[in-house]
Each structure stands twice: as C-alpha cells, then as structure tokens.
Amino acid sequence: MAKIHEVAEAAGVSISTVSYALSGKRTISAETRRRIEQAVRELDYRPNAGARMLAGRRTNIFALTEPFRADTYAPAHMAFVLATSIAARRYDYDVLLLTEEQASAGMRRVARSGLADAVLVLDVAPDDERVELARHLDIPSVFVGVPNDHDGLVCVDLDFEAAAGLAVDRLADAGHRTIGLLGHPAAAYHRSNFPPRVRAGFERRARERGLADTVELPEFGGARRVAVRAALGVLLDRGVTGIVLHCDEEAHVAALDELAARGLRVPDDVSVVSVGSTFDTSSMQPPLDVLPLVPQASCDLAVDLAMQLLSDAVPPPGVRLVAPVYHDHGSVAPPGRR
C-alpha cells in the first residue's frame, strides 16, 4: 500500500501539503490539488482508518526524541528536555519523552500510533538516522540541532560557528596572536552536530584574523584531570596565550585547576573564553567570559515552529540559528609576560 510520502513525491509537494489537501484543513491551489488527487489515484493511496477517524483532532502531545546513551552528558540533555516541556506548556501541550538509544524506533512507533501531533528531535548527530525517517512520517518534525543533510527539514540551534568566531575576535582584539581550542573528546565530533561547528568557526575565524591556532581534544576516559593536563600542556608549549573552552563543566573546572597548579593566573597570564556552555561560568574560580548555549531560546523557537506546522501558517523548511551573546566576566586581558 502506498504511503503518504510517496504521494507527496509524485505530486512534487511536501507531506504536510498532502495532509492539508486530504483533510481540507487548509486552502490548496487548484493545480496543486489536481496533482495530489492524480497521485492518490495512480498510487491507490488510502489513508489509515484511524487517521481518518481522528482527522481534525489533536492529541496535544509532542513526542520528544532524546536517546540516552552510556556517554550522555545528562545535565545538558535534561536542560533541553525541561526547556522543551516548559515551552510546550505555553500551548497547553505535554511532552512524551522517547529515550531509546535506537531513536528511530520510537519515532516510528509514535507516528504509527497517532500518540503525538509532532516530533521534536534532540541530540542530533551529523549523520542522523532520524533525518530520512522524518521526511517520511505523516506528522511534522522540528530538529533542535543541524544535521549535515538538512534539506527539506525545519531546524533550530545556536549559531555555534558565529559563537566560536566571536570568542576568537575577543581574544584577537585583546592582542592575542596564538590561541587554542580545548574541545570535547574526538568521538563527540562524529556523534554530535555542534562540536564540529564550533571547531570550524574557531579555525575559520583564526585564519581570517591571521592568528596561529591549535586544537586539542582530550580523551577523558577514566582520568579526566590527566587528559586535561596533557592537553593544556600541549597548548601552552605551543605558546598559546588565549584559550577557548568547548567542553563539559567538569573539564572546565579541571582546566582552571590545572592552570592554577601551574602558577598561571586568568586573565593575567592566560585569557579564557567558554563557548556553548549550558552551565554557569560566572561562579567558577575565576569567573569565565562565555557565549552560552541557552536551551530555552532554542526550544521556545522549536515549539513555536512545531505549532506553525500544525496550523495554516506553515513555515518553509530551513535552518533558524539563534544569535550568540557574549557575557563578559573579566577572563580576557592583553597577553601577559608568561
């Protein structure tokens, strides 16, 4: 039996347009309706009986797919779950959390059962298995994150490349000529969509500003402090005077402790800027300048877009990036005499 995405492909329209045409919930041009009706006849498409019975009704539930893995950094992930839930309540919606590591299975189950009106996709990988599935589901989806293949999708996220670029600019404007990025372990650059974007923004802006730059990706394993110590040693040996931190809270603390253990003061000897942090860097010792990742900003926008996809004001596919904001806590100064 033909599926709705096959009808959409044959008619040259989106799945939501086919749904609107068949349900009558939105005005469709005569030519578009003709193509859809022709595709329905030629493919012998028959809407699911349950879907026909429930046409025009909503569940007032969003499915939130957030796979929990062994290496999931729970504080940041749960911050996004909470932010999404708060945003959904503004529209009198609840959230059904899908935590299976095989994330596509939960999405299929929810779509087939009619449990949710839309799917919100978190913890997006560069090559995410949920991308192709989202294109074929009968319900709309919004990605909080930007996969490599995002053609035809609705995506929102912090502009990580711009955030990294602003961090580089801050260091360059203070007079630093040799800078370094202390990032996540190397595996994160294949598993998550945002670490590669931070690194790309850092390296691109450093080249544009004529700076010498180096990147270290400590492999934490069971000895986080040892890994951070080694990574910082490499950066300092290469003459780095300005450091961009893009790693979790524990690695931030370990990095600051290691600098102090080496007798280096922030910002007198080394300047430090944090990028994409979901935790409070102003309470660290010393407080750090930061371009934060604010879950509420991305999740509010994602939920707003999901509601538009369920209404007549359907937004076009594309990536919506949240502009980064620099918070100055005094951790950047001109290079010291180290």
Protein backbone atom coordinates (compact mmCIF):
# COMPACT_ATOMS: atom_id res chain seq x y z
CA MET A 1 0.00 0.00 0.00
CA ALA A 2 1.31 3.43 -0.90
CA LYS A 3 2.46 5.78 1.87
CA ILE A 4 1.74 9.50 2.14
CA HIS A 5 5.37 10.41 1.40
CA GLU A 6 5.09 8.56 -1.93
CA VAL A 7 2.04 10.67 -2.80
CA ALA A 8 3.98 13.82 -1.84
CA GLU A 9 6.95 12.83 -4.03
CA ALA A 10 4.73 12.00 -7.00
CA ALA A 11 2.86 15.30 -6.70
CA GLY A 12 6.02 17.32 -6.07
CA VAL A 13 4.79 18.75 -2.75
CA SER A 14 5.50 18.30 0.96
CA ILE A 15 3.86 15.67 3.14
CA SER A 16 2.07 18.39 5.10
CA THR A 17 0.57 19.78 1.86
CA VAL A 18 -0.83 16.34 1.01
CA SER A 19 -2.25 16.08 4.52
CA TYR A 20 -3.88 19.50 4.28
CA ALA A 21 -5.34 18.70 0.86
CA LEU A 22 -6.86 15.42 2.04
CA SER A 23 -8.18 16.78 5.34
CA GLY A 24 -9.46 20.07 3.92
CA LYS A 25 -7.85 21.96 6.84
CA ARG A 26 -6.07 24.38 4.54
CA THR A 27 -6.82 26.04 1.22
CA ILE A 28 -4.77 24.45 -1.58
CA SER A 29 -4.44 25.85 -5.09
CA ALA A 30 -6.46 24.09 -7.78
CA GLU A 31 -3.34 22.96 -9.66
CA THR A 32 -1.70 21.56 -6.52
CA ARG A 33 -4.89 19.76 -5.52
CA ARG A 34 -5.16 18.30 -9.03
CA ARG A 35 -1.62 16.87 -8.83
CA ILE A 36 -2.25 15.42 -5.38
CA GLU A 37 -5.54 13.82 -6.41
CA GLN A 38 -3.91 12.37 -9.51
CA ALA A 39 -1.07 10.89 -7.40
CA VAL A 40 -3.61 9.44 -4.93
CA ARG A 41 -5.47 7.70 -7.77
CA GLU A 42 -2.37 6.42 -9.53
CA LEU A 43 -0.78 5.10 -6.34
CA ASP A 44 -4.06 3.86 -4.88
CA TYR A 45 -3.28 5.69 -1.65
CA ARG A 46 -5.69 5.02 1.20
CA PRO A 47 -5.31 6.97 4.46
CA ASN A 48 -5.11 4.95 7.65
CA ALA A 49 -8.58 4.33 9.04
CA GLY A 50 -7.58 5.57 12.49
CA ALA A 51 -6.15 8.73 10.99
CA ARG A 52 -9.40 9.34 9.09
CA MET A 53 -11.39 8.82 12.27
CA LEU A 54 -9.24 11.31 14.16
CA ALA A 55 -9.00 13.88 11.37
CA GLY A 56 -9.30 17.38 12.74
CA ARG A 57 -8.44 16.33 16.31
CA ARG A 58 -5.19 16.81 18.18
CA THR A 59 -3.57 14.87 20.99
CA ASN A 60 -1.92 17.98 22.47
CA ILE A 61 1.25 15.93 22.86
CA PHE A 62 4.70 16.43 21.34
CA ALA A 63 6.98 13.44 21.05
CA LEU A 64 10.48 14.42 22.16
CA THR A 65 13.14 12.02 20.89
CA GLU A 66 16.26 12.25 23.09
CA PRO A 67 18.26 9.00 23.02
CA PHE A 68 20.03 8.28 26.31
CA ARG A 69 23.42 6.64 25.79
CA ALA A 70 26.12 5.49 28.18
CA ASP A 71 28.16 8.63 27.48
CA THR A 72 25.23 11.08 27.54
CA TYR A 73 26.07 14.25 29.48
CA ALA A 74 22.85 14.24 31.50
CA PRO A 75 22.82 17.83 32.87
CA ALA A 76 22.88 19.46 29.43
CA HIS A 77 20.47 16.98 27.88
CA MET A 78 17.94 17.27 30.69
CA ALA A 79 18.15 21.06 30.47
CA PHE A 80 16.82 20.77 26.92
CA VAL A 81 14.10 18.33 27.96
CA LEU A 82 12.96 20.74 30.68
CA ALA A 83 13.12 23.75 28.35
CA THR A 84 11.03 21.93 25.73
CA SER A 85 8.44 20.92 28.33
CA ILE A 86 8.12 24.50 29.58
CA ALA A 87 7.77 25.83 26.03
CA ALA A 88 5.14 23.20 25.21
CA ARG A 89 3.03 24.14 28.24
CA ARG A 90 2.62 27.64 26.79
CA TYR A 91 0.45 25.97 24.14
CA ASP A 92 -1.24 23.59 26.59
CA TYR A 93 0.86 20.71 25.24
CA ASP A 94 2.53 17.86 27.11
CA VAL A 95 5.71 16.02 26.11
CA LEU A 96 6.17 12.30 25.51
CA LEU A 97 9.87 11.55 26.06
CA LEU A 98 11.43 8.89 23.83
CA THR A 99 14.78 7.79 25.27
CA GLU A 100 15.62 4.64 23.30
CA GLU A 101 19.19 4.57 22.03
CA GLN A 102 17.78 3.32 18.72
CA ALA A 103 15.94 6.60 18.31
CA SER A 104 14.19 5.88 15.02
CA ALA A 105 12.19 3.01 16.55
CA GLY A 106 10.42 5.33 18.96
CA MET A 107 9.67 7.86 16.22
CA ARG A 108 8.09 5.17 14.05
CA ARG A 109 6.00 3.84 16.92
CA VAL A 110 4.66 7.27 17.85
CA ALA A 111 3.85 8.18 14.25
CA ARG A 112 2.02 4.92 13.60
CA SER A 113 0.03 5.03 16.83
CA GLY A 114 -1.10 8.64 16.49
CA LEU A 115 0.07 9.39 20.03
CA ALA A 116 1.60 12.76 19.15
CA ASP A 117 0.90 15.70 16.86
CA ALA A 118 4.56 16.41 16.05
CA VAL A 119 8.09 15.21 16.84
CA LEU A 120 10.84 17.35 18.34
CA VAL A 121 14.31 15.89 17.69
CA LEU A 122 17.15 16.42 20.19
CA ASP A 123 20.77 15.21 20.39
CA VAL A 124 21.16 15.46 16.64
CA ALA A 125 24.11 13.62 15.06
CA PRO A 126 25.88 14.88 11.91
CA ASP A 127 24.69 11.79 10.02
CA ASP A 128 21.45 11.22 11.94
CA GLU A 129 19.29 8.19 11.19
CA ARG A 130 16.19 10.21 12.08
CA VAL A 131 16.63 12.62 9.15
CA GLU A 132 15.32 10.31 6.44
CA LEU A 133 12.62 8.96 8.75
CA ALA A 134 11.37 12.48 9.50
CA ARG A 135 10.92 13.09 5.77
CA HIS A 136 8.60 10.08 5.52
CA LEU A 137 6.48 10.47 8.66
CA ASP A 138 2.88 11.59 8.42
CA ILE A 139 3.40 14.09 11.27
CA PRO A 140 5.70 17.14 11.21
CA SER A 141 9.06 17.29 12.95
CA VAL A 142 11.45 20.00 14.14
CA PHE A 143 15.16 19.33 14.77
CA VAL A 144 16.91 21.11 17.64
CA GLY A 145 20.32 20.78 16.02
CA VAL A 146 21.56 20.80 12.44
CA PRO A 147 22.45 17.50 10.74
CA ASN A 148 24.72 17.53 7.70
CA ASP A 149 21.79 16.58 5.46
CA HIS A 150 19.07 19.04 6.46
CA ASP A 151 17.46 19.60 3.07
CA GLY A 152 13.71 19.99 3.49
CA LEU A 153 13.88 19.92 7.31
CA VAL A 154 12.98 22.56 9.88
CA CYS A 155 15.99 23.00 12.20
CA VAL A 156 16.86 25.40 15.02
CA ASP A 157 20.05 25.82 17.03
CA LEU A 158 22.56 28.25 18.44
CA ASP A 159 24.85 29.66 15.77
CA PHE A 160 27.86 27.76 17.12
CA GLU A 161 30.17 28.86 14.32
CA ALA A 162 29.39 32.51 15.00
CA ALA A 163 29.85 31.94 18.74
CA ALA A 164 33.31 30.46 18.22
CA GLY A 165 34.14 33.30 15.85
CA LEU A 166 33.16 35.90 18.44
CA ALA A 167 35.36 34.18 21.04
CA VAL A 168 38.30 34.35 18.64
CA ASP A 169 37.55 38.01 17.92
CA ARG A 170 37.55 38.81 21.63
CA LEU A 171 40.99 37.24 22.08
CA ALA A 172 42.38 38.80 18.91
CA ASP A 173 41.08 42.26 19.85
CA ALA A 174 42.84 41.91 23.22
CA GLY A 175 46.12 41.31 21.37
CA HIS A 176 46.49 37.53 21.48
CA ARG A 177 48.26 36.11 18.42
CA THR A 178 48.47 32.42 19.39
CA ILE A 179 45.25 30.79 20.58
CA GLY A 180 43.99 27.30 21.30
CA LEU A 181 40.74 25.35 21.50
CA LEU A 182 40.28 22.76 24.25
CA GLY A 183 37.39 20.67 22.98
CA HIS A 184 35.43 17.51 23.60
CA PRO A 185 36.87 14.01 23.06
CA ALA A 186 37.30 13.16 19.37
CA ALA A 187 34.28 10.82 19.32
CA ALA A 188 31.95 13.74 20.04
CA TYR A 189 32.84 15.27 16.66
CA HIS A 190 31.25 12.28 14.94
CA ARG A 191 28.36 11.72 17.36
CA SER A 192 27.07 15.29 17.83
CA ASN A 193 26.36 18.04 15.32
CA PHE A 194 27.63 21.05 17.26
CA PRO A 195 31.29 20.29 18.20
CA PRO A 196 32.36 20.25 14.52
CA ARG A 197 30.62 23.57 14.01
CA VAL A 198 32.45 25.15 16.97
CA ARG A 199 35.78 23.84 15.70
CA ALA A 200 35.05 25.05 12.15
CA GLY A 201 34.10 28.51 13.40
CA PHE A 202 37.20 28.70 15.61
CA GLU A 203 39.61 27.67 12.86
CA ARG A 204 38.00 29.79 10.16
CA ARG A 205 37.98 32.97 12.24
CA ALA A 206 41.55 32.39 13.43
CA ARG A 207 42.68 32.21 9.79
CA GLU A 208 40.73 35.34 8.93
CA ARG A 209 42.36 37.22 11.81
CA GLY A 210 45.84 35.91 10.95
CA LEU A 211 46.25 34.04 14.24
CA ALA A 212 48.24 30.91 14.99
CA ASP A 213 45.78 28.33 16.32
CA THR A 214 45.86 24.80 17.66
CA VAL A 215 43.14 22.34 18.73
CA GLU A 216 43.36 19.72 21.46
CA LEU A 217 40.69 17.06 22.01
CA PRO A 218 41.49 15.31 25.31
CA GLU A 219 40.41 11.67 25.58
CA PHE A 220 38.94 11.70 29.07
CA GLY A 221 38.41 8.01 29.72
CA GLY A 222 38.62 7.47 33.48
CA ALA A 223 41.35 10.05 34.10
CA ARG A 224 39.85 13.38 33.15
CA ARG A 225 42.36 15.54 35.01
CA VAL A 226 45.28 13.70 33.43
CA ALA A 227 43.80 14.21 29.96
CA VAL A 228 43.14 17.91 30.56
CA ARG A 229 46.63 18.38 32.00
CA ALA A 230 48.18 16.82 28.90
CA ALA A 231 46.01 18.88 26.53
CA LEU A 232 46.81 22.13 28.33
CA GLY A 233 50.49 21.22 28.28
CA VAL A 234 50.39 20.94 24.50
CA LEU A 235 48.63 24.29 24.14
CA LEU A 236 50.99 26.11 26.49
CA ASP A 237 54.08 24.54 24.92
CA ARG A 238 52.96 25.99 21.61
CA GLY A 239 52.85 29.48 23.07
CA VAL A 240 49.08 29.78 23.44
CA THR A 241 48.05 32.82 25.49
CA GLY A 242 44.29 32.67 24.79
CA ILE A 243 42.16 29.54 25.24
CA VAL A 244 38.63 28.78 24.05
CA LEU A 245 36.95 26.08 26.14
CA HIS A 246 34.25 23.98 24.49
CA CYS A 247 33.80 21.01 26.82
CA ASP A 248 31.64 19.95 29.75
CA GLU A 249 31.60 21.55 33.19
CA GLU A 250 33.93 19.03 34.78
CA ALA A 251 36.55 19.63 32.10
CA HIS A 252 36.20 23.42 32.61
CA VAL A 253 36.91 23.02 36.32
CA ALA A 254 39.81 20.66 35.65
CA ALA A 255 41.32 23.13 33.16
CA LEU A 256 41.11 26.05 35.59
CA ASP A 257 42.55 23.94 38.41
CA GLU A 258 45.43 22.85 36.19
CA LEU A 259 46.21 26.43 35.16
CA ALA A 260 46.29 27.40 38.84
CA ALA A 261 48.52 24.43 39.66
CA ARG A 262 50.97 25.67 37.03
CA GLY A 263 51.00 29.09 38.67
CA LEU A 264 49.15 30.73 35.76
CA ARG A 265 46.53 33.37 36.51
CA VAL A 266 43.41 34.12 34.47
CA PRO A 267 43.43 36.60 32.77
CA ASP A 268 46.86 38.00 33.74
CA ASP A 269 48.82 35.09 32.25
CA VAL A 270 46.22 33.26 30.14
CA SER A 271 42.88 34.51 28.81
CA VAL A 272 39.98 32.05 28.69
CA VAL A 273 36.57 32.15 26.95
CA SER A 274 33.87 29.46 27.21
CA VAL A 275 31.70 28.67 24.18
CA GLY A 276 28.38 26.80 24.14
CA SER A 277 28.13 26.21 27.89
CA THR A 278 24.78 25.33 29.44
CA PHE A 279 26.16 25.79 32.99
CA ASP A 280 27.03 28.93 34.97
CA THR A 281 30.60 30.03 34.27
CA SER A 282 30.25 33.20 36.35
CA SER A 283 30.50 31.16 39.58
CA MET A 284 33.74 29.42 38.58
CA GLN A 285 37.09 30.39 40.05
CA PRO A 286 37.85 32.63 38.34
CA PRO A 287 34.61 33.57 36.53
CA LEU A 288 34.83 33.00 32.77
CA ASP A 289 33.62 35.03 29.81
CA VAL A 290 31.06 32.95 27.96
CA LEU A 291 28.93 32.69 24.83
CA PRO A 292 26.33 30.37 26.35
CA LEU A 293 24.01 27.81 24.82
CA VAL A 294 20.62 28.72 26.29
CA PRO A 295 18.25 25.73 25.97
CA GLN A 296 15.14 27.89 26.40
CA ALA A 297 15.98 30.04 23.37
CA SER A 298 16.28 27.08 21.00
CA CYS A 299 13.39 25.12 22.50
CA ASP A 300 10.99 28.08 22.51
CA LEU A 301 11.66 28.58 18.82
CA ALA A 302 11.36 24.86 18.06
CA VAL A 303 7.97 24.60 19.76
CA ASP A 304 6.73 27.78 18.04
CA LEU A 305 7.70 26.27 14.67
CA ALA A 306 6.03 22.95 15.54
CA MET A 307 2.80 24.79 16.29
CA GLN A 308 3.06 26.64 12.99
CA LEU A 309 3.50 23.31 11.18
CA LEU A 310 0.21 22.22 12.75
CA SER A 311 -1.58 25.38 11.65
CA ASP A 312 -2.25 27.21 8.42
CA ALA A 313 0.93 29.31 8.80
CA VAL A 314 3.32 26.55 7.73
CA PRO A 315 6.94 27.80 7.89
CA PRO A 316 9.23 26.93 4.98
CA PRO A 317 11.96 24.35 5.57
CA GLY A 318 15.35 25.68 6.59
CA VAL A 319 17.77 26.32 9.43
CA ARG A 320 16.97 29.00 12.01
CA LEU A 321 20.04 29.98 14.03
CA VAL A 322 19.92 31.77 17.38
CA ALA A 323 22.45 34.62 17.53
CA PRO A 324 25.11 34.15 20.24
CA VAL A 325 25.50 36.71 23.05
CA TYR A 326 28.84 37.48 24.72
CA HIS A 327 28.84 37.72 28.54
CA ASP A 328 31.93 39.47 29.94
CA HIS A 329 33.10 38.21 33.35
CA GLY A 330 36.64 39.53 33.16
CA SER A 331 38.59 36.48 31.95
CA VAL A 332 40.15 38.14 28.88
CA ALA A 333 43.01 40.64 29.01
CA PRO A 334 46.02 41.52 26.86
CA PRO A 335 48.70 38.79 26.80
CA GLY A 336 50.82 38.63 29.95
CA ARG A 337 54.55 38.18 30.16
CA ARG A 338 54.47 34.40 30.64
